[in-house]
Protein backbone atom coordinates (compact mmCIF):
# COMPACT_ATOMS: atom_id res chain seq x y z
CA MET A 1 -56.75 125.51 161.65
CA ALA A 2 -55.21 128.46 163.09
CA ALA A 3 -57.45 128.74 165.75
CA VAL A 4 -57.09 125.37 166.57
CA ARG A 5 -53.13 126.44 166.85
CA GLU A 6 -53.88 129.48 168.85
CA ARG A 7 -56.15 127.57 171.34
CA PHE A 8 -52.97 124.91 172.00
CA GLU A 9 -50.53 127.89 172.80
CA TRP A 10 -53.12 129.55 175.17
CA SER A 11 -53.84 126.13 176.76
CA SER A 12 -50.07 125.24 176.87
CA ASN A 13 -49.72 128.86 178.99
CA MET A 14 -52.22 128.32 181.61
CA ALA A 15 -49.74 127.03 184.02
CA ALA A 16 -48.38 130.09 183.99
CA LEU A 17 -51.69 131.89 185.37
CA PRO A 18 -51.50 133.52 188.70
CA PRO A 19 -53.51 131.43 191.17
CA ASN A 20 -55.60 134.44 191.88
CA ALA A 21 -57.51 135.67 189.19
CA MET A 22 -58.55 138.81 191.08
CA GLY A 23 -54.97 139.76 189.96
CA TRP A 24 -55.18 138.43 186.14
CA SER A 25 -54.06 141.35 183.36
CA VAL A 26 -56.18 141.67 180.19
CA GLU A 27 -54.11 139.17 178.38
CA GLN A 28 -54.47 136.41 181.48
CA VAL A 29 -58.27 136.96 180.99
CA LYS A 30 -57.86 136.42 177.56
CA GLN A 31 -55.78 133.44 178.04
CA TRP A 32 -58.15 132.01 180.42
CA ALA A 33 -61.13 132.35 178.18
CA VAL A 34 -59.55 131.02 175.01
CA ALA A 35 -57.70 127.67 177.16
CA GLU A 36 -60.00 127.05 179.70
CA VAL A 37 -63.53 128.18 178.90
CA GLY A 38 -62.86 127.37 175.31
CA ILE A 39 -64.26 130.12 173.26
CA LYS A 40 -62.53 131.05 170.06
CA PRO A 41 -59.79 133.58 170.13
CA GLU A 42 -62.04 136.43 168.32
CA HIS A 43 -64.72 136.04 171.19
CA ALA A 44 -62.18 136.55 173.63
CA ASP A 45 -60.69 139.42 171.80
CA LYS A 46 -63.81 141.51 172.75
CA LEU A 47 -62.88 141.18 176.26
CA VAL A 48 -59.66 142.54 175.64
CA GLN A 49 -60.89 145.33 173.68
CA GLN A 50 -63.12 146.53 176.78
CA GLU A 51 -59.89 146.13 179.30
CA ILE A 52 -61.19 143.49 181.12
CA ASP A 53 -59.18 142.46 183.44
CA GLY A 54 -59.25 139.97 186.74
CA GLU A 55 -60.99 142.56 188.51
CA ALA A 56 -63.43 143.58 185.98
CA LEU A 57 -64.17 139.98 185.01
CA PHE A 58 -66.27 139.38 188.57
CA GLU A 59 -68.15 142.06 187.75
CA MET A 60 -69.23 140.55 184.51
CA THR A 61 -72.98 139.92 183.42
CA GLU A 62 -74.27 138.19 180.54
CA ALA A 63 -76.27 141.01 179.63
CA ARG A 64 -72.68 142.97 179.55
CA LEU A 65 -71.37 139.93 177.38
CA LEU A 66 -74.00 140.54 174.48
CA GLY A 67 -73.52 143.95 174.74
CA TYR A 68 -69.72 143.79 173.95
CA GLY A 69 -70.72 141.51 171.04
CA VAL A 70 -70.12 137.95 172.77
CA PRO A 71 -72.26 135.69 171.11
CA GLY A 72 -75.02 133.83 173.56
CA GLY A 73 -73.42 130.49 173.89
CA PRO A 74 -69.39 131.59 174.66
CA ALA A 75 -71.31 134.45 176.84
CA ILE A 76 -72.95 131.30 178.62
CA LYS A 77 -69.91 129.23 178.93
CA LEU A 78 -67.91 132.35 180.45
CA MET A 79 -70.48 133.06 183.01
CA LYS A 80 -70.37 129.37 184.12
CA LYS A 81 -66.62 129.49 184.34
CA ILE A 82 -66.86 133.15 186.20
CA GLU A 83 -68.65 131.29 188.57
CA GLY A 84 -66.83 128.68 189.14
CA LEU A 85 -63.75 130.96 189.96
CA SER A 86 -65.46 133.18 192.23
CA GLY A 87 -67.39 129.95 193.80
CA GLY A 88 -64.74 128.76 195.61
CA GLY A 89 -63.46 126.25 193.19
CA GLY A 90 -59.59 127.04 193.86
CA TRP A 91 -58.79 129.37 192.01
CA SER A 92 -59.65 132.75 193.96
CA VAL A 93 -60.08 132.94 197.62
CA ALA A 94 -59.97 136.71 197.30
CA ALA A 95 -62.80 136.74 195.25
CA GLY A 96 -64.91 134.53 197.97
CA GLU A 97 -63.49 137.19 200.79
CA MET A 98 -64.70 140.46 198.38
CA ALA A 99 -68.10 138.68 198.39
CA ALA A 100 -68.44 138.21 201.85
CA ALA A 101 -67.44 141.62 202.47
CA ARG A 102 -70.01 142.75 200.47
CA VAL A 103 -72.94 140.77 201.94
CA ALA A 104 -71.49 142.40 205.50
CA PHE A 105 -71.73 145.70 204.18
CA CYS A 106 -74.81 145.61 202.62
CA LEU A 107 -76.24 143.87 205.82
CA GLY A 108 -74.92 147.04 207.66
CA LEU A 109 -76.62 149.32 205.16
CA VAL A 110 -80.03 147.49 204.93
CA CYS A 111 -80.23 146.25 208.27
CA GLY A 112 -78.55 148.48 210.45
CA TYR A 113 -76.08 145.55 211.60
CA ARG A 114 -72.72 146.90 212.75
């Protein structure tokens, strides 16, 4: 019952999250993970323990989540939602710009494009 109450409290605060996920604090990432992704607060606490903020969230992998002790199901859910954030789902334009910059940088290194 307490987990349901906490999830409701997190969900009522979702509107307070900044639209650019790259700028989220550790607590805002936890808020998003509980309210939007739907994982249990104790699993989201693993992200807090690792100090995962918005910038670090976009570097996350399923293997890292599992290594932090997040069970497989919540890890899969998190990764799908993270991909949605960075895939132009309306949450983070900055993440798309960052991905484009990485591609351009890699092309410059590998292919010699300038």
